[in-house]
Amino acid sequence: MGRTYAGILGPLAFTTILARSMIDTSSVESTMMLATVCLFLFAGIGYLAGQVADSIVLDAVKANFDKELQAREAAEANAG
């Protein structure tokens, strides 16, 4: 999930900087430098956020699975 978030946030930041610079009529050199820095910065932030989200979801699913498995084992032990 981290790569997906990085692949979305990085280009989104790049495009936002380009659009802002077109409105403000900034110089091409400074615009491209800022857009590139923001691309990598937000891709890194997106990667970290995606990894954290992935681990949270994985832990929640694992906990629910373990709880359901224990409930079924207890039901089988009581029935048998």
PDB file of N, CA and C in Angstrom:
ATOM      1  N   MET A   1       0.820  -1.174   0.000  1.00  0.00           N
ATOM      2  CA  MET A   1       0.000   0.000   0.000  1.00  0.00           C
ATOM      3  C   MET A   1       0.878   1.257   0.000  1.00  0.00           C
ATOM      4  N   GLY A   2       2.083   1.141   0.512  1.00  0.00           N
ATOM      5  CA  GLY A   2       2.980   2.285   0.564  1.00  0.00           C
ATOM      6  C   GLY A   2       3.364   2.795  -0.813  1.00  0.00           C
ATOM      7  N   ARG A   3       3.627   1.864  -1.724  1.00  0.00           N
ATOM      8  CA  ARG A   3       3.986   2.270  -3.082  1.00  0.00           C
ATOM      9  C   ARG A   3       2.820   2.952  -3.779  1.00  0.00           C
ATOM     10  N   THR A   4       1.614   2.496  -3.500  1.00  0.00           N
ATOM     11  CA  THR A   4       0.434   3.098  -4.106  1.00  0.00           C
ATOM     12  C   THR A   4       0.260   4.532  -3.619  1.00  0.00           C
ATOM     13  N   TYR A   5       0.370   4.743  -2.316  1.00  0.00           N
ATOM     14  CA  TYR A   5       0.225   6.089  -1.762  1.00  0.00           C
ATOM     15  C   TYR A   5       1.338   6.995  -2.282  1.00  0.00           C
ATOM     16  N   ALA A   6       2.551   6.477  -2.362  1.00  0.00           N
ATOM     17  CA  ALA A   6       3.669   7.266  -2.883  1.00  0.00           C
ATOM     18  C   ALA A   6       3.436   7.637  -4.341  1.00  0.00           C
ATOM     19  N   GLY A   7       2.895   6.693  -5.096  1.00  0.00           N
ATOM     20  CA  GLY A   7       2.622   6.934  -6.510  1.00  0.00           C
ATOM     21  C   GLY A   7       1.490   7.914  -6.749  1.00  0.00           C
ATOM     22  N   ILE A   8       0.682   8.142  -5.742  1.00  0.00           N
ATOM     23  CA  ILE A   8      -0.406   9.113  -5.875  1.00  0.00           C
ATOM     24  C   ILE A   8       0.026  10.483  -5.342  1.00  0.00           C
ATOM     25  N   LEU A   9       0.578  10.510  -4.134  1.00  0.00           N
ATOM     26  CA  LEU A   9       0.901  11.795  -3.508  1.00  0.00           C
ATOM     27  C   LEU A   9       2.052  12.530  -4.190  1.00  0.00           C
ATOM     28  N   GLY A  10       3.057  11.801  -4.643  1.00  0.00           N
ATOM     29  CA  GLY A  10       4.197  12.452  -5.296  1.00  0.00           C
ATOM     30  C   GLY A  10       3.798  13.212  -6.552  1.00  0.00           C
ATOM     31  N   PRO A  11       3.199  12.543  -7.526  1.00  0.00           N
ATOM     32  CA  PRO A  11       2.774  13.263  -8.735  1.00  0.00           C
ATOM     33  C   PRO A  11       1.709  14.330  -8.470  1.00  0.00           C
ATOM     34  N   LEU A  12       0.860  14.103  -7.467  1.00  0.00           N
ATOM     35  CA  LEU A  12      -0.141  15.110  -7.119  1.00  0.00           C
ATOM     36  C   LEU A  12       0.537  16.393  -6.628  1.00  0.00           C
ATOM     37  N   ALA A  13       1.550  16.257  -5.797  1.00  0.00           N
ATOM     38  CA  ALA A  13       2.296  17.429  -5.320  1.00  0.00           C
ATOM     39  C   ALA A  13       3.012  18.112  -6.484  1.00  0.00           C
ATOM     40  N   PHE A  14       3.603  17.334  -7.371  1.00  0.00           N
ATOM     41  CA  PHE A  14       4.301  17.879  -8.536  1.00  0.00           C
ATOM     42  C   PHE A  14       3.343  18.696  -9.397  1.00  0.00           C
ATOM     43  N   THR A  15       2.191  18.128  -9.679  1.00  0.00           N
ATOM     44  CA  THR A  15       1.200  18.803 -10.513  1.00  0.00           C
ATOM     45  C   THR A  15       0.653  20.050  -9.832  1.00  0.00           C
ATOM     46  N   THR A  16       0.463  19.975  -8.526  1.00  0.00           N
ATOM     47  CA  THR A  16      -0.035  21.142  -7.787  1.00  0.00           C
ATOM     48  C   THR A  16       0.961  22.295  -7.850  1.00  0.00           C
ATOM     49  N   ILE A  17       2.240  22.001  -7.717  1.00  0.00           N
ATOM     50  CA  ILE A  17       3.263  23.043  -7.792  1.00  0.00           C
ATOM     51  C   ILE A  17       3.300  23.633  -9.196  1.00  0.00           C
ATOM     52  N   LEU A  18       3.186  22.804 -10.216  1.00  0.00           N
ATOM     53  CA  LEU A  18       3.175  23.320 -11.584  1.00  0.00           C
ATOM     54  C   LEU A  18       1.971  24.231 -11.819  1.00  0.00           C
ATOM     55  N   ALA A  19       0.809  23.823 -11.346  1.00  0.00           N
ATOM     56  CA  ALA A  19      -0.400  24.637 -11.525  1.00  0.00           C
ATOM     57  C   ALA A  19      -0.276  25.957 -10.769  1.00  0.00           C
ATOM     58  N   ARG A  20       0.241  25.900  -9.547  1.00  0.00           N
ATOM     59  CA  ARG A  20       0.413  27.124  -8.766  1.00  0.00           C
ATOM     60  C   ARG A  20       1.383  28.069  -9.450  1.00  0.00           C
ATOM     61  N   SER A  21       2.444  27.519 -10.012  1.00  0.00           N
ATOM     62  CA  SER A  21       3.444  28.349 -10.675  1.00  0.00           C
ATOM     63  C   SER A  21       2.912  28.955 -11.963  1.00  0.00           C
ATOM     64  N   MET A  22       2.017  28.258 -12.631  1.00  0.00           N
ATOM     65  CA  MET A  22       1.409  28.829 -13.843  1.00  0.00           C
ATOM     66  C   MET A  22       0.526  30.022 -13.486  1.00  0.00           C
ATOM     67  N   ILE A  23      -0.163  29.919 -12.359  1.00  0.00           N
ATOM     68  CA  ILE A  23      -1.026  31.016 -11.922  1.00  0.00           C
ATOM     69  C   ILE A  23      -0.186  32.212 -11.477  1.00  0.00           C
ATOM     70  N   ASP A  24       0.913  31.951 -10.742  1.00  0.00           N
ATOM     71  CA  ASP A  24       1.771  33.015 -10.222  1.00  0.00           C
ATOM     72  C   ASP A  24       2.810  33.492 -11.232  1.00  0.00           C
ATOM     73  N   THR A  25       2.890  32.842 -12.387  1.00  0.00           N
ATOM     74  CA  THR A  25       3.896  33.111 -13.422  1.00  0.00           C
ATOM     75  C   THR A  25       5.309  33.147 -12.842  1.00  0.00           C
ATOM     76  N   SER A  26       5.691  32.055 -12.179  1.00  0.00           N
ATOM     77  CA  SER A  26       7.036  31.920 -11.618  1.00  0.00           C
ATOM     78  C   SER A  26       7.995  31.470 -12.708  1.00  0.00           C
ATOM     79  N   SER A  27       9.295  31.543 -12.411  1.00  0.00           N
ATOM     80  CA  SER A  27      10.299  31.122 -13.380  1.00  0.00           C
ATOM     81  C   SER A  27      10.296  29.599 -13.516  1.00  0.00           C
ATOM     82  N   VAL A  28      10.689  29.141 -14.687  1.00  0.00           N
ATOM     83  CA  VAL A  28      10.667  27.707 -14.983  1.00  0.00           C
ATOM     84  C   VAL A  28      11.659  26.946 -14.106  1.00  0.00           C
ATOM     85  N   GLU A  29      12.853  27.505 -13.922  1.00  0.00           N
ATOM     86  CA  GLU A  29      13.887  26.815 -13.154  1.00  0.00           C
ATOM     87  C   GLU A  29      13.474  26.607 -11.703  1.00  0.00           C
ATOM     88  N   SER A  30      12.985  27.657 -11.068  1.00  0.00           N
ATOM     89  CA  SER A  30      12.587  27.526  -9.669  1.00  0.00           C
ATOM     90  C   SER A  30      11.356  26.640  -9.526  1.00  0.00           C
ATOM     91  N   THR A  31      10.467  26.719 -10.503  1.00  0.00           N
ATOM     92  CA  THR A  31       9.267  25.881 -10.468  1.00  0.00           C
ATOM     93  C   THR A  31       9.621  24.406 -10.560  1.00  0.00           C
ATOM     94  N   MET A  32      10.493  24.047 -11.493  1.00  0.00           N
ATOM     95  CA  MET A  32      10.862  22.642 -11.665  1.00  0.00           C
ATOM     96  C   MET A  32      11.643  22.116 -10.463  1.00  0.00           C
ATOM     97  N   MET A  33      12.494  22.958  -9.885  1.00  0.00           N
ATOM     98  CA  MET A  33      13.249  22.535  -8.706  1.00  0.00           C
ATOM     99  C   MET A  33      12.303  22.285  -7.536  1.00  0.00           C
ATOM    100  N   LEU A  34      11.391  23.212  -7.283  1.00  0.00           N
ATOM    101  CA  LEU A  34      10.441  23.057  -6.189  1.00  0.00           C
ATOM    102  C   LEU A  34       9.511  21.872  -6.435  1.00  0.00           C
ATOM    103  N   ALA A  35       9.054  21.724  -7.672  1.00  0.00           N
ATOM    104  CA  ALA A  35       8.153  20.617  -8.000  1.00  0.00           C
ATOM    105  C   ALA A  35       8.849  19.272  -7.816  1.00  0.00           C
ATOM    106  N   THR A  36      10.106  19.176  -8.184  1.00  0.00           N
ATOM    107  CA  THR A  36      10.852  17.928  -8.033  1.00  0.00           C
ATOM    108  C   THR A  36      11.085  17.605  -6.562  1.00  0.00           C
ATOM    109  N   VAL A  37      11.445  18.624  -5.782  1.00  0.00           N
ATOM    110  CA  VAL A  37      11.639  18.405  -4.343  1.00  0.00           C
ATOM    111  C   VAL A  37      10.334  17.941  -3.705  1.00  0.00           C
ATOM    112  N   CYS A  38       9.233  18.598  -4.054  1.00  0.00           N
ATOM    113  CA  CYS A  38       7.933  18.212  -3.495  1.00  0.00           C
ATOM    114  C   CYS A  38       7.509  16.822  -3.956  1.00  0.00           C
ATOM    115  N   LEU A  39       7.851  16.467  -5.179  1.00  0.00           N
ATOM    116  CA  LEU A  39       7.549  15.125  -5.688  1.00  0.00           C
ATOM    117  C   LEU A  39       8.164  14.067  -4.784  1.00  0.00           C
ATOM    118  N   PHE A  40       9.454  14.198  -4.516  1.00  0.00           N
ATOM    119  CA  PHE A  40      10.132  13.203  -3.691  1.00  0.00           C
ATOM    120  C   PHE A  40       9.710  13.272  -2.229  1.00  0.00           C
ATOM    121  N   LEU A  41       9.499  14.476  -1.721  1.00  0.00           N
ATOM    122  CA  LEU A  41       9.089  14.640  -0.332  1.00  0.00           C
ATOM    123  C   LEU A  41       7.719  13.997  -0.094  1.00  0.00           C
ATOM    124  N   PHE A  42       6.762  14.315  -0.941  1.00  0.00           N
ATOM    125  CA  PHE A  42       5.421  13.773  -0.748  1.00  0.00           C
ATOM    126  C   PHE A  42       5.338  12.298  -1.106  1.00  0.00           C
ATOM    127  N   ALA A  43       6.187  11.829  -2.018  1.00  0.00           N
ATOM    128  CA  ALA A  43       6.239  10.390  -2.288  1.00  0.00           C
ATOM    129  C   ALA A  43       6.749   9.651  -1.048  1.00  0.00           C
ATOM    130  N   GLY A  44       7.738  10.216  -0.375  1.00  0.00           N
ATOM    131  CA  GLY A  44       8.234   9.610   0.862  1.00  0.00           C
ATOM    132  C   GLY A  44       7.187   9.611   1.955  1.00  0.00           C
ATOM    133  N   ILE A  45       6.483  10.724   2.097  1.00  0.00           N
ATOM    134  CA  ILE A  45       5.410  10.801   3.088  1.00  0.00           C
ATOM    135  C   ILE A  45       4.310   9.799   2.753  1.00  0.00           C
ATOM    136  N   GLY A  46       3.960   9.701   1.480  1.00  0.00           N
ATOM    137  CA  GLY A  46       2.937   8.749   1.049  1.00  0.00           C
ATOM    138  C   GLY A  46       3.355   7.318   1.309  1.00  0.00           C
ATOM    139  N   TYR A  47       4.637   7.017   1.072  1.00  0.00           N
ATOM    140  CA  TYR A  47       5.125   5.661   1.320  1.00  0.00           C
ATOM    141  C   TYR A  47       5.012   5.306   2.801  1.00  0.00           C
ATOM    142  N   LEU A  48       5.447   6.226   3.655  1.00  0.00           N
ATOM    143  CA  LEU A  48       5.365   5.969   5.100  1.00  0.00           C
ATOM    144  C   LEU A  48       3.916   5.837   5.560  1.00  0.00           C
ATOM    145  N   ALA A  49       3.055   6.712   5.090  1.00  0.00           N
ATOM    146  CA  ALA A  49       1.636   6.640   5.465  1.00  0.00           C
ATOM    147  C   ALA A  49       1.011   5.338   4.978  1.00  0.00           C
ATOM    148  N   GLY A  50       1.372   4.905   3.791  1.00  0.00           N
ATOM    149  CA  GLY A  50       0.849   3.655   3.260  1.00  0.00           C
ATOM    150  C   GLY A  50       1.334   2.444   4.038  1.00  0.00           C
ATOM    151  N   GLN A  51       2.589   2.458   4.434  1.00  0.00           N
ATOM    152  CA  GLN A  51       3.117   1.347   5.225  1.00  0.00           C
ATOM    153  C   GLN A  51       2.436   1.268   6.592  1.00  0.00           C
ATOM    154  N   VAL A  52       2.217   2.424   7.212  1.00  0.00           N
ATOM    155  CA  VAL A  52       1.537   2.455   8.509  1.00  0.00           C
ATOM    156  C   VAL A  52       0.103   1.960   8.353  1.00  0.00           C
ATOM    157  N   ALA A  53      -0.591   2.442   7.329  1.00  0.00           N
ATOM    158  CA  ALA A  53      -1.975   2.009   7.089  1.00  0.00           C
ATOM    159  C   ALA A  53      -2.032   0.511   6.812  1.00  0.00           C
ATOM    160  N   ASP A  54      -1.082   0.009   6.052  1.00  0.00           N
ATOM    161  CA  ASP A  54      -1.039  -1.418   5.735  1.00  0.00           C
ATOM    162  C   ASP A  54      -0.852  -2.257   6.993  1.00  0.00           C
ATOM    163  N   SER A  55       0.039  -1.830   7.870  1.00  0.00           N
ATOM    164  CA  SER A  55       0.264  -2.599   9.094  1.00  0.00           C
ATOM    165  C   SER A  55      -0.947  -2.536  10.028  1.00  0.00           C
ATOM    166  N   ILE A  56      -1.628  -1.390  10.085  1.00  0.00           N
ATOM    167  CA  ILE A  56      -2.818  -1.266  10.924  1.00  0.00           C
ATOM    168  C   ILE A  56      -3.922  -2.179  10.422  1.00  0.00           C
ATOM    169  N   VAL A  57      -4.159  -2.172   9.124  1.00  0.00           N
ATOM    170  CA  VAL A  57      -5.199  -3.031   8.551  1.00  0.00           C
ATOM    171  C   VAL A  57      -4.845  -4.502   8.742  1.00  0.00           C
ATOM    172  N   LEU A  58      -3.591  -4.845   8.508  1.00  0.00           N
ATOM    173  CA  LEU A  58      -3.160  -6.232   8.657  1.00  0.00           C
ATOM    174  C   LEU A  58      -3.329  -6.704  10.100  1.00  0.00           C
ATOM    175  N   ASP A  59      -2.951  -5.879  11.056  1.00  0.00           N
ATOM    176  CA  ASP A  59      -3.119  -6.247  12.469  1.00  0.00           C
ATOM    177  C   ASP A  59      -4.582  -6.409  12.843  1.00  0.00           C
ATOM    178  N   ALA A  60      -5.442  -5.534  12.344  1.00  0.00           N
ATOM    179  CA  ALA A  60      -6.872  -5.619  12.654  1.00  0.00           C
ATOM    180  C   ALA A  60      -7.487  -6.888  12.060  1.00  0.00           C
ATOM    181  N   VAL A  61      -7.143  -7.204  10.837  1.00  0.00           N
ATOM    182  CA  VAL A  61      -7.670  -8.413  10.202  1.00  0.00           C
ATOM    183  C   VAL A  61      -7.160  -9.652  10.917  1.00  0.00           C
ATOM    184  N   LYS A  62      -5.876  -9.655  11.279  1.00  0.00           N
ATOM    185  CA  LYS A  62      -5.302 -10.801  11.989  1.00  0.00           C
ATOM    186  C   LYS A  62      -5.969 -10.997  13.346  1.00  0.00           C
ATOM    187  N   ALA A  63      -6.228  -9.900  14.062  1.00  0.00           N
ATOM    188  CA  ALA A  63      -6.878  -9.998  15.369  1.00  0.00           C
ATOM    189  C   ALA A  63      -8.292 -10.562  15.230  1.00  0.00           C
ATOM    190  N   ASN A  64      -9.038 -10.091  14.234  1.00  0.00           N
ATOM    191  CA  ASN A  64     -10.395 -10.614  14.008  1.00  0.00           C
ATOM    192  C   ASN A  64     -10.363 -12.082  13.601  1.00  0.00           C
ATOM    193  N   PHE A  65      -9.391 -12.449  12.780  1.00  0.00           N
ATOM    194  CA  PHE A  65      -9.260 -13.836  12.352  1.00  0.00           C
ATOM    195  C   PHE A  65      -8.944 -14.739  13.542  1.00  0.00           C
ATOM    196  N   ASP A  66      -8.001 -14.309  14.382  1.00  0.00           N
ATOM    197  CA  ASP A  66      -7.636 -15.102  15.556  1.00  0.00           C
ATOM    198  C   ASP A  66      -8.813 -15.244  16.520  1.00  0.00           C
ATOM    199  N   LYS A  67      -9.563 -14.163  16.711  1.00  0.00           N
ATOM    200  CA  LYS A  67     -10.727 -14.202  17.597  1.00  0.00           C
ATOM    201  C   LYS A  67     -11.784 -15.169  17.054  1.00  0.00           C
ATOM    202  N   GLU A  68     -12.031 -15.128  15.764  1.00  0.00           N
ATOM    203  CA  GLU A  68     -13.011 -16.032  15.147  1.00  0.00           C
ATOM    204  C   GLU A  68     -12.532 -17.487  15.232  1.00  0.00           C
ATOM    205  N   LEU A  69     -11.249 -17.710  15.021  1.00  0.00           N
ATOM    206  CA  LEU A  69     -10.696 -19.062  15.103  1.00  0.00           C
ATOM    207  C   LEU A  69     -10.820 -19.616  16.522  1.00  0.00           C
ATOM    208  N   GLN A  70     -10.541 -18.812  17.512  1.00  0.00           N
ATOM    209  CA  GLN A  70     -10.682 -19.259  18.900  1.00  0.00           C
ATOM    210  C   GLN A  70     -12.136 -19.546  19.248  1.00  0.00           C
ATOM    211  N   ALA A  71     -13.057 -18.734  18.742  1.00  0.00           N
ATOM    212  CA  ALA A  71     -14.470 -18.958  18.994  1.00  0.00           C
ATOM    213  C   ALA A  71     -14.928 -20.287  18.373  1.00  0.00           C
ATOM    214  N   ARG A  72     -14.466 -20.569  17.165  1.00  0.00           N
ATOM    215  CA  ARG A  72     -14.842 -21.833  16.506  1.00  0.00           C
ATOM    216  C   ARG A  72     -14.246 -23.041  17.205  1.00  0.00           C
ATOM    217  N   GLU A  73     -12.994 -22.902  17.674  1.00  0.00           N
ATOM    218  CA  GLU A  73     -12.359 -24.008  18.388  1.00  0.00           C
ATOM    219  C   GLU A  73     -13.078 -24.260  19.711  1.00  0.00           C
ATOM    220  N   ALA A  74     -13.483 -23.200  20.382  1.00  0.00           N
ATOM    221  CA  ALA A  74     -14.219 -23.361  21.636  1.00  0.00           C
ATOM    222  C   ALA A  74     -15.582 -23.996  21.388  1.00  0.00           C
ATOM    223  N   ALA A  75     -16.239 -23.624  20.298  1.00  0.00           N
ATOM    224  CA  ALA A  75     -17.545 -24.202  19.966  1.00  0.00           C
ATOM    225  C   ALA A  75     -17.407 -25.687  19.631  1.00  0.00           C
ATOM    226  N   GLU A  76     -16.340 -26.054  18.926  1.00  0.00           N
ATOM    227  CA  GLU A  76     -16.106 -27.458  18.582  1.00  0.00           C
ATOM    228  C   GLU A  76     -15.773 -28.265  19.824  1.00  0.00           C
ATOM    229  N   ALA A  77     -15.022 -27.676  20.750  1.00  0.00           N
ATOM    230  CA  ALA A  77     -14.653 -28.375  21.985  1.00  0.00           C
ATOM    231  C   ALA A  77     -15.890 -28.610  22.844  1.00  0.00           C
ATOM    232  N   ASN A  78     -16.819 -27.660  22.883  1.00  0.00           N
ATOM    233  CA  ASN A  78     -18.053 -27.792  23.668  1.00  0.00           C
ATOM    234  C   ASN A  78     -19.014 -28.782  23.012  1.00  0.00           C
ATOM    235  N   ALA A  79     -18.992 -28.840  21.680  1.00  0.00           N
ATOM    236  CA  ALA A  79     -19.921 -29.738  20.972  1.00  0.00           C
ATOM    237  C   ALA A  79     -19.401 -31.189  21.023  1.00  0.00           C
ATOM    238  N   GLY A  80     -18.107 -31.341  21.057  1.00  0.00           N
ATOM    239  CA  GLY A  80     -17.516 -32.677  20.972  1.00  0.00           C
ATOM    240  C   GLY A  80     -17.227 -33.252  22.279  1.00  0.00           C
TER     241      GLY A  80
END
